[in-house]
Amino acid sequence: MKYITPEQAVANGDKRSLDELRRLAKAPQSMCSVCNADTAWRFADTGMCFTCTTGEHDDSDDFELRMPPLMKQQREKAAKAGGQ
């Protein structure tokens, strides 16, 4: 599965707002609510893994959201500051 940023998803034609896609990218990883065998696919925002969401087993032509590095750094910095 290829990983893209929320900005790339919008550039690729995703109709959701950039804020919504950023929220999904920052969501904690969770297990699929159906099969509990794989991580939930954040891009779809269904709580299900790629296979349970699409019915496909080959995800090589699809993509998943990832948190842009700057957002990840800011989140980690905030978590460290909160833990002091």
PDB file of N, CA and C in Angstrom:
ATOM      1  N   MET A   1       0.851  -1.170   0.000  1.00  0.00           N
ATOM      2  CA  MET A   1       0.000   0.000   0.000  1.00  0.00           C
ATOM      3  C   MET A   1       0.897   1.234   0.000  1.00  0.00           C
ATOM      4  N   LYS A   2       0.556   2.192  -0.810  1.00  0.00           N
ATOM      5  CA  LYS A   2       1.313   3.438  -0.876  1.00  0.00           C
ATOM      6  C   LYS A   2       0.753   4.416   0.144  1.00  0.00           C
ATOM      7  N   TYR A   3       1.631   5.199   0.753  1.00  0.00           N
ATOM      8  CA  TYR A   3       1.200   6.192   1.724  1.00  0.00           C
ATOM      9  C   TYR A   3       1.287   7.579   1.112  1.00  0.00           C
ATOM     10  N   ILE A   4       0.253   8.395   1.355  1.00  0.00           N
ATOM     11  CA  ILE A   4       0.222   9.762   0.857  1.00  0.00           C
ATOM     12  C   ILE A   4      -0.171  10.705   1.988  1.00  0.00           C
ATOM     13  N   THR A   5       0.127  11.965   1.806  1.00  0.00           N
ATOM     14  CA  THR A   5      -0.272  12.970   2.788  1.00  0.00           C
ATOM     15  C   THR A   5      -1.689  13.440   2.476  1.00  0.00           C
ATOM     16  N   PRO A   6      -2.352  14.059   3.435  1.00  0.00           N
ATOM     17  CA  PRO A   6      -3.679  14.625   3.159  1.00  0.00           C
ATOM     18  C   PRO A   6      -3.658  15.607   1.979  1.00  0.00           C
ATOM     19  N   GLU A   7      -2.591  16.385   1.882  1.00  0.00           N
ATOM     20  CA  GLU A   7      -2.474  17.338   0.774  1.00  0.00           C
ATOM     21  C   GLU A   7      -2.438  16.628  -0.573  1.00  0.00           C
ATOM     22  N   GLN A   8      -1.741  15.499  -0.638  1.00  0.00           N
ATOM     23  CA  GLN A   8      -1.694  14.722  -1.871  1.00  0.00           C
ATOM     24  C   GLN A   8      -3.058  14.115  -2.193  1.00  0.00           C
ATOM     25  N   ALA A   9      -3.797  13.716  -1.164  1.00  0.00           N
ATOM     26  CA  ALA A   9      -5.135  13.164  -1.386  1.00  0.00           C
ATOM     27  C   ALA A   9      -6.040  14.217  -2.027  1.00  0.00           C
ATOM     28  N   VAL A  10      -5.971  15.454  -1.529  1.00  0.00           N
ATOM     29  CA  VAL A  10      -6.774  16.544  -2.108  1.00  0.00           C
ATOM     30  C   VAL A  10      -6.344  16.799  -3.546  1.00  0.00           C
ATOM     31  N   ALA A  11      -5.026  16.827  -3.781  1.00  0.00           N
ATOM     32  CA  ALA A  11      -4.510  17.042  -5.136  1.00  0.00           C
ATOM     33  C   ALA A  11      -4.935  15.927  -6.086  1.00  0.00           C
ATOM     34  N   ASN A  12      -5.143  14.718  -5.541  1.00  0.00           N
ATOM     35  CA  ASN A  12      -5.587  13.577  -6.351  1.00  0.00           C
ATOM     36  C   ASN A  12      -7.090  13.574  -6.575  1.00  0.00           C
ATOM     37  N   GLY A  13      -7.803  14.571  -6.010  1.00  0.00           N
ATOM     38  CA  GLY A  13      -9.230  14.682  -6.272  1.00  0.00           C
ATOM     39  C   GLY A  13     -10.147  14.271  -5.146  1.00  0.00           C
ATOM     40  N   ASP A  14      -9.604  13.965  -3.966  1.00  0.00           N
ATOM     41  CA  ASP A  14     -10.476  13.610  -2.847  1.00  0.00           C
ATOM     42  C   ASP A  14     -11.367  14.803  -2.514  1.00  0.00           C
ATOM     43  N   LYS A  15     -12.643  14.569  -2.332  1.00  0.00           N
ATOM     44  CA  LYS A  15     -13.614  15.648  -2.117  1.00  0.00           C
ATOM     45  C   LYS A  15     -13.715  16.088  -0.651  1.00  0.00           C
ATOM     46  N   ARG A  16     -13.128  15.333   0.261  1.00  0.00           N
ATOM     47  CA  ARG A  16     -13.173  15.726   1.668  1.00  0.00           C
ATOM     48  C   ARG A  16     -12.269  16.931   1.898  1.00  0.00           C
ATOM     49  N   SER A  17     -12.547  17.659   2.970  1.00  0.00           N
ATOM     50  CA  SER A  17     -11.741  18.844   3.266  1.00  0.00           C
ATOM     51  C   SER A  17     -10.355  18.422   3.748  1.00  0.00           C
ATOM     52  N   LEU A  18      -9.418  19.319   3.593  1.00  0.00           N
ATOM     53  CA  LEU A  18      -8.065  19.060   4.059  1.00  0.00           C
ATOM     54  C   LEU A  18      -8.060  18.837   5.570  1.00  0.00           C
ATOM     55  N   ASP A  19      -8.869  19.587   6.299  1.00  0.00           N
ATOM     56  CA  ASP A  19      -8.953  19.401   7.754  1.00  0.00           C
ATOM     57  C   ASP A  19      -9.442  17.997   8.109  1.00  0.00           C
ATOM     58  N   GLU A  20     -10.436  17.505   7.390  1.00  0.00           N
ATOM     59  CA  GLU A  20     -10.956  16.155   7.649  1.00  0.00           C
ATOM     60  C   GLU A  20      -9.888  15.098   7.363  1.00  0.00           C
ATOM     61  N   LEU A  21      -9.178  15.246   6.251  1.00  0.00           N
ATOM     62  CA  LEU A  21      -8.136  14.282   5.914  1.00  0.00           C
ATOM     63  C   LEU A  21      -6.984  14.340   6.912  1.00  0.00           C
ATOM     64  N   ARG A  22      -6.652  15.532   7.391  1.00  0.00           N
ATOM     65  CA  ARG A  22      -5.608  15.647   8.414  1.00  0.00           C
ATOM     66  C   ARG A  22      -6.048  14.962   9.709  1.00  0.00           C
ATOM     67  N   ARG A  23      -7.314  15.105  10.066  1.00  0.00           N
ATOM     68  CA  ARG A  23      -7.834  14.443  11.263  1.00  0.00           C
ATOM     69  C   ARG A  23      -7.700  12.923  11.129  1.00  0.00           C
ATOM     70  N   LEU A  24      -8.042  12.412   9.957  1.00  0.00           N
ATOM     71  CA  LEU A  24      -7.939  10.972   9.728  1.00  0.00           C
ATOM     72  C   LEU A  24      -6.486  10.513   9.783  1.00  0.00           C
ATOM     73  N   ALA A  25      -5.582  11.307   9.221  1.00  0.00           N
ATOM     74  CA  ALA A  25      -4.165  10.934   9.208  1.00  0.00           C
ATOM     75  C   ALA A  25      -3.599  10.876  10.620  1.00  0.00           C
ATOM     76  N   LYS A  26      -4.102  11.731  11.516  1.00  0.00           N
ATOM     77  CA  LYS A  26      -3.606  11.775  12.893  1.00  0.00           C
ATOM     78  C   LYS A  26      -4.297  10.752  13.796  1.00  0.00           C
ATOM     79  N   ALA A  27      -5.339  10.116  13.304  1.00  0.00           N
ATOM     80  CA  ALA A  27      -6.081   9.156  14.133  1.00  0.00           C
ATOM     81  C   ALA A  27      -5.163   8.002  14.532  1.00  0.00           C
ATOM     82  N   PRO A  28      -5.283   7.557  15.768  1.00  0.00           N
ATOM     83  CA  PRO A  28      -4.450   6.436  16.196  1.00  0.00           C
ATOM     84  C   PRO A  28      -4.787   5.176  15.411  1.00  0.00           C
ATOM     85  N   GLN A  29      -3.786   4.348  15.185  1.00  0.00           N
ATOM     86  CA  GLN A  29      -4.021   3.089  14.485  1.00  0.00           C
ATOM     87  C   GLN A  29      -4.878   2.188  15.363  1.00  0.00           C
ATOM     88  N   SER A  30      -5.834   1.531  14.765  1.00  0.00           N
ATOM     89  CA  SER A  30      -6.663   0.579  15.487  1.00  0.00           C
ATOM     90  C   SER A  30      -6.836  -0.660  14.627  1.00  0.00           C
ATOM     91  N   MET A  31      -7.298  -1.709  15.242  1.00  0.00           N
ATOM     92  CA  MET A  31      -7.515  -2.956  14.513  1.00  0.00           C
ATOM     93  C   MET A  31      -8.879  -2.930  13.828  1.00  0.00           C
ATOM     94  N   CYS A  32      -9.005  -3.692  12.778  1.00  0.00           N
ATOM     95  CA  CYS A  32     -10.248  -3.796  12.015  1.00  0.00           C
ATOM     96  C   CYS A  32     -11.382  -4.260  12.925  1.00  0.00           C
ATOM     97  N   SER A  33     -12.515  -3.584  12.848  1.00  0.00           N
ATOM     98  CA  SER A  33     -13.660  -3.927  13.694  1.00  0.00           C
ATOM     99  C   SER A  33     -14.395  -5.171  13.200  1.00  0.00           C
ATOM    100  N   VAL A  34     -14.054  -5.655  12.003  1.00  0.00           N
ATOM    101  CA  VAL A  34     -14.719  -6.843  11.456  1.00  0.00           C
ATOM    102  C   VAL A  34     -13.868  -8.097  11.685  1.00  0.00           C
ATOM    103  N   CYS A  35     -12.645  -8.087  11.145  1.00  0.00           N
ATOM    104  CA  CYS A  35     -11.819  -9.299  11.219  1.00  0.00           C
ATOM    105  C   CYS A  35     -10.802  -9.267  12.357  1.00  0.00           C
ATOM    106  N   ASN A  36     -10.498  -8.089  12.876  1.00  0.00           N
ATOM    107  CA  ASN A  36      -9.530  -7.902  13.956  1.00  0.00           C
ATOM    108  C   ASN A  36      -8.177  -8.519  13.630  1.00  0.00           C
ATOM    109  N   ALA A  37      -7.871  -8.678  12.337  1.00  0.00           N
ATOM    110  CA  ALA A  37      -6.615  -9.293  11.920  1.00  0.00           C
ATOM    111  C   ALA A  37      -5.648  -8.291  11.302  1.00  0.00           C
ATOM    112  N   ASP A  38      -6.123  -7.114  10.958  1.00  0.00           N
ATOM    113  CA  ASP A  38      -5.285  -6.112  10.292  1.00  0.00           C
ATOM    114  C   ASP A  38      -5.650  -4.739  10.834  1.00  0.00           C
ATOM    115  N   THR A  39      -4.779  -3.762  10.598  1.00  0.00           N
ATOM    116  CA  THR A  39      -5.074  -2.414  11.073  1.00  0.00           C
ATOM    117  C   THR A  39      -6.167  -1.769  10.221  1.00  0.00           C
ATOM    118  N   ALA A  40      -6.953  -0.926  10.861  1.00  0.00           N
ATOM    119  CA  ALA A  40      -8.037  -0.227  10.162  1.00  0.00           C
ATOM    120  C   ALA A  40      -7.440   0.730   9.131  1.00  0.00           C
ATOM    121  N   TRP A  41      -8.116   0.878   8.016  1.00  0.00           N
ATOM    122  CA  TRP A  41      -7.692   1.714   6.909  1.00  0.00           C
ATOM    123  C   TRP A  41      -8.188   3.127   7.185  1.00  0.00           C
ATOM    124  N   ARG A  42      -7.296   4.020   7.579  1.00  0.00           N
ATOM    125  CA  ARG A  42      -7.682   5.368   7.981  1.00  0.00           C
ATOM    126  C   ARG A  42      -8.267   6.173   6.825  1.00  0.00           C
ATOM    127  N   PHE A  43      -7.792   5.948   5.611  1.00  0.00           N
ATOM    128  CA  PHE A  43      -8.290   6.722   4.479  1.00  0.00           C
ATOM    129  C   PHE A  43      -9.801   6.538   4.293  1.00  0.00           C
ATOM    130  N   ALA A  44     -10.272   5.334   4.510  1.00  0.00           N
ATOM    131  CA  ALA A  44     -11.704   5.062   4.319  1.00  0.00           C
ATOM    132  C   ALA A  44     -12.539   5.514   5.507  1.00  0.00           C
ATOM    133  N   ASP A  45     -11.948   5.622   6.680  1.00  0.00           N
ATOM    134  CA  ASP A  45     -12.635   6.045   7.906  1.00  0.00           C
ATOM    135  C   ASP A  45     -13.860   5.186   8.204  1.00  0.00           C
ATOM    136  N   THR A  46     -13.685   3.860   8.060  1.00  0.00           N
ATOM    137  CA  THR A  46     -14.783   2.934   8.321  1.00  0.00           C
ATOM    138  C   THR A  46     -14.552   2.089   9.565  1.00  0.00           C
ATOM    139  N   GLY A  47     -13.314   2.105  10.074  1.00  0.00           N
ATOM    140  CA  GLY A  47     -12.964   1.236  11.196  1.00  0.00           C
ATOM    141  C   GLY A  47     -12.646  -0.176  10.740  1.00  0.00           C
ATOM    142  N   MET A  48     -12.560  -0.360   9.420  1.00  0.00           N
ATOM    143  CA  MET A  48     -12.267  -1.683   8.869  1.00  0.00           C
ATOM    144  C   MET A  48     -10.944  -1.650   8.109  1.00  0.00           C
ATOM    145  N   CYS A  49     -10.333  -2.818   7.946  1.00  0.00           N
ATOM    146  CA  CYS A  49      -9.093  -2.919   7.187  1.00  0.00           C
ATOM    147  C   CYS A  49      -9.394  -2.774   5.687  1.00  0.00           C
ATOM    148  N   PHE A  50      -8.339  -2.706   4.895  1.00  0.00           N
ATOM    149  CA  PHE A  50      -8.491  -2.558   3.449  1.00  0.00           C
ATOM    150  C   PHE A  50      -9.355  -3.673   2.864  1.00  0.00           C
ATOM    151  N   THR A  51      -9.054  -4.914   3.228  1.00  0.00           N
ATOM    152  CA  THR A  51      -9.782  -6.052   2.656  1.00  0.00           C
ATOM    153  C   THR A  51     -11.257  -6.038   3.041  1.00  0.00           C
ATOM    154  N   CYS A  52     -11.566  -5.761   4.299  1.00  0.00           N
ATOM    155  CA  CYS A  52     -12.970  -5.737   4.723  1.00  0.00           C
ATOM    156  C   CYS A  52     -13.713  -4.539   4.135  1.00  0.00           C
ATOM    157  N   THR A  53     -13.000  -3.442   3.886  1.00  0.00           N
ATOM    158  CA  THR A  53     -13.629  -2.261   3.302  1.00  0.00           C
ATOM    159  C   THR A  53     -13.928  -2.447   1.827  1.00  0.00           C
ATOM    160  N   THR A  54     -12.955  -3.005   1.082  1.00  0.00           N
ATOM    161  CA  THR A  54     -13.082  -3.065  -0.384  1.00  0.00           C
ATOM    162  C   THR A  54     -13.431  -4.436  -0.929  1.00  0.00           C
ATOM    163  N   GLY A  55     -13.199  -5.472  -0.149  1.00  0.00           N
ATOM    164  CA  GLY A  55     -13.408  -6.838  -0.648  1.00  0.00           C
ATOM    165  C   GLY A  55     -12.240  -7.318  -1.490  1.00  0.00           C
ATOM    166  N   GLU A  56     -11.184  -6.522  -1.601  1.00  0.00           N
ATOM    167  CA  GLU A  56      -9.998  -6.876  -2.384  1.00  0.00           C
ATOM    168  C   GLU A  56      -8.875  -7.306  -1.455  1.00  0.00           C
ATOM    169  N   HIS A  57      -7.986  -8.129  -1.971  1.00  0.00           N
ATOM    170  CA  HIS A  57      -6.838  -8.567  -1.176  1.00  0.00           C
ATOM    171  C   HIS A  57      -5.560  -7.864  -1.586  1.00  0.00           C
ATOM    172  N   ASP A  58      -5.505  -7.333  -2.798  1.00  0.00           N
ATOM    173  CA  ASP A  58      -4.300  -6.683  -3.317  1.00  0.00           C
ATOM    174  C   ASP A  58      -4.439  -5.173  -3.171  1.00  0.00           C
ATOM    175  N   ASP A  59      -3.664  -4.604  -2.254  1.00  0.00           N
ATOM    176  CA  ASP A  59      -3.743  -3.161  -2.031  1.00  0.00           C
ATOM    177  C   ASP A  59      -2.618  -2.389  -2.730  1.00  0.00           C
ATOM    178  N   SER A  60      -1.910  -3.024  -3.658  1.00  0.00           N
ATOM    179  CA  SER A  60      -0.742  -2.393  -4.266  1.00  0.00           C
ATOM    180  C   SER A  60      -1.090  -1.171  -5.117  1.00  0.00           C
ATOM    181  N   ASP A  61      -2.311  -1.052  -5.585  1.00  0.00           N
ATOM    182  CA  ASP A  61      -2.712   0.110  -6.394  1.00  0.00           C
ATOM    183  C   ASP A  61      -3.498   1.133  -5.588  1.00  0.00           C
ATOM    184  N   ASP A  62      -3.568   0.966  -4.287  1.00  0.00           N
ATOM    185  CA  ASP A  62      -4.336   1.870  -3.440  1.00  0.00           C
ATOM    186  C   ASP A  62      -3.411   2.590  -2.488  1.00  0.00           C
ATOM    187  N   PHE A  63      -3.945   3.577  -1.796  1.00  0.00           N
ATOM    188  CA  PHE A  63      -3.110   4.349  -0.890  1.00  0.00           C
ATOM    189  C   PHE A  63      -3.781   4.557   0.442  1.00  0.00           C
ATOM    190  N   GLU A  64      -2.960   4.886   1.429  1.00  0.00           N
ATOM    191  CA  GLU A  64      -3.395   5.132   2.793  1.00  0.00           C
ATOM    192  C   GLU A  64      -2.824   6.480   3.223  1.00  0.00           C
ATOM    193  N   LEU A  65      -3.520   7.135   4.120  1.00  0.00           N
ATOM    194  CA  LEU A  65      -3.051   8.420   4.624  1.00  0.00           C
ATOM    195  C   LEU A  65      -1.922   8.230   5.623  1.00  0.00           C
ATOM    196  N   ARG A  66      -0.990   9.156   5.596  1.00  0.00           N
ATOM    197  CA  ARG A  66       0.060   9.164   6.614  1.00  0.00           C
ATOM    198  C   ARG A  66       0.177  10.583   7.135  1.00  0.00           C
ATOM    199  N   MET A  67       0.636  10.695   8.334  1.00  0.00           N
ATOM    200  CA  MET A  67       0.807  12.003   8.928  1.00  0.00           C
ATOM    201  C   MET A  67       2.052  12.652   8.326  1.00  0.00           C
ATOM    202  N   PRO A  68       1.938  13.874   7.792  1.00  0.00           N
ATOM    203  CA  PRO A  68       3.130  14.542   7.271  1.00  0.00           C
ATOM    204  C   PRO A  68       4.181  14.679   8.364  1.00  0.00           C
ATOM    205  N   PRO A  69       5.478  14.596   8.024  1.00  0.00           N
ATOM    206  CA  PRO A  69       6.534  14.632   9.035  1.00  0.00           C
ATOM    207  C   PRO A  69       6.451  15.833   9.981  1.00  0.00           C
ATOM    208  N   LEU A  70       6.143  17.018   9.483  1.00  0.00           N
ATOM    209  CA  LEU A  70       6.078  18.191  10.350  1.00  0.00           C
ATOM    210  C   LEU A  70       4.971  18.039  11.388  1.00  0.00           C
ATOM    211  N   MET A  71       3.810  17.537  10.982  1.00  0.00           N
ATOM    212  CA  MET A  71       2.714  17.322  11.928  1.00  0.00           C
ATOM    213  C   MET A  71       3.126  16.294  12.977  1.00  0.00           C
ATOM    214  N   LYS A  72       3.844  15.254  12.563  1.00  0.00           N
ATOM    215  CA  LYS A  72       4.285  14.221  13.488  1.00  0.00           C
ATOM    216  C   LYS A  72       5.250  14.814  14.512  1.00  0.00           C
ATOM    217  N   GLN A  73       6.176  15.652  14.052  1.00  0.00           N
ATOM    218  CA  GLN A  73       7.130  16.281  14.959  1.00  0.00           C
ATOM    219  C   GLN A  73       6.412  17.175  15.967  1.00  0.00           C
ATOM    220  N   GLN A  74       5.432  17.943  15.503  1.00  0.00           N
ATOM    221  CA  GLN A  74       4.687  18.825  16.395  1.00  0.00           C
ATOM    222  C   GLN A  74       3.916  18.014  17.427  1.00  0.00           C
ATOM    223  N   ARG A  75       3.317  16.914  17.014  1.00  0.00           N
ATOM    224  CA  ARG A  75       2.563  16.059  17.917  1.00  0.00           C
ATOM    225  C   ARG A  75       3.468  15.444  18.979  1.00  0.00           C
ATOM    226  N   GLU A  76       4.657  14.961  18.554  1.00  0.00           N
ATOM    227  CA  GLU A  76       5.589  14.365  19.503  1.00  0.00           C
ATOM    228  C   GLU A  76       6.102  15.409  20.487  1.00  0.00           C
ATOM    229  N   LYS A  77       6.367  16.619  20.008  1.00  0.00           N
ATOM    230  CA  LYS A  77       6.834  17.703  20.877  1.00  0.00           C
ATOM    231  C   LYS A  77       5.762  18.045  21.919  1.00  0.00           C
ATOM    232  N   ALA A  78       4.518  18.125  21.488  1.00  0.00           N
ATOM    233  CA  ALA A  78       3.422  18.424  22.408  1.00  0.00           C
ATOM    234  C   ALA A  78       3.258  17.309  23.442  1.00  0.00           C
ATOM    235  N   ALA A  79       3.441  16.068  23.036  1.00  0.00           N
ATOM    236  CA  ALA A  79       3.306  14.947  23.967  1.00  0.00           C
ATOM    237  C   ALA A  79       4.423  14.981  25.009  1.00  0.00           C
ATOM    238  N   LYS A  80       5.627  15.324  24.591  1.00  0.00           N
ATOM    239  CA  LYS A  80       6.738  15.431  25.540  1.00  0.00           C
ATOM    240  C   LYS A  80       6.510  16.571  26.521  1.00  0.00           C
ATOM    241  N   ALA A  81       6.028  17.708  26.027  1.00  0.00           N
ATOM    242  CA  ALA A  81       5.777  18.862  26.887  1.00  0.00           C
ATOM    243  C   ALA A  81       4.686  18.561  27.902  1.00  0.00           C
ATOM    244  N   GLY A  82       3.687  17.800  27.499  1.00  0.00           N
ATOM    245  CA  GLY A  82       2.592  17.439  28.394  1.00  0.00           C
ATOM    246  C   GLY A  82       3.002  16.433  29.453  1.00  0.00           C
ATOM    247  N   GLY A  83       4.048  15.668  29.185  1.00  0.00           N
ATOM    248  CA  GLY A  83       4.489  14.631  30.105  1.00  0.00           C
ATOM    249  C   GLY A  83       5.476  15.111  31.157  1.00  0.00           C
ATOM    250  N   GLN A  84       5.879  16.374  31.072  1.00  0.00           N
ATOM    251  CA  GLN A  84       6.867  16.893  32.019  1.00  0.00           C
ATOM    252  C   GLN A  84       6.245  17.348  33.302  1.00  0.00           C
TER     253      GLN A  84
END
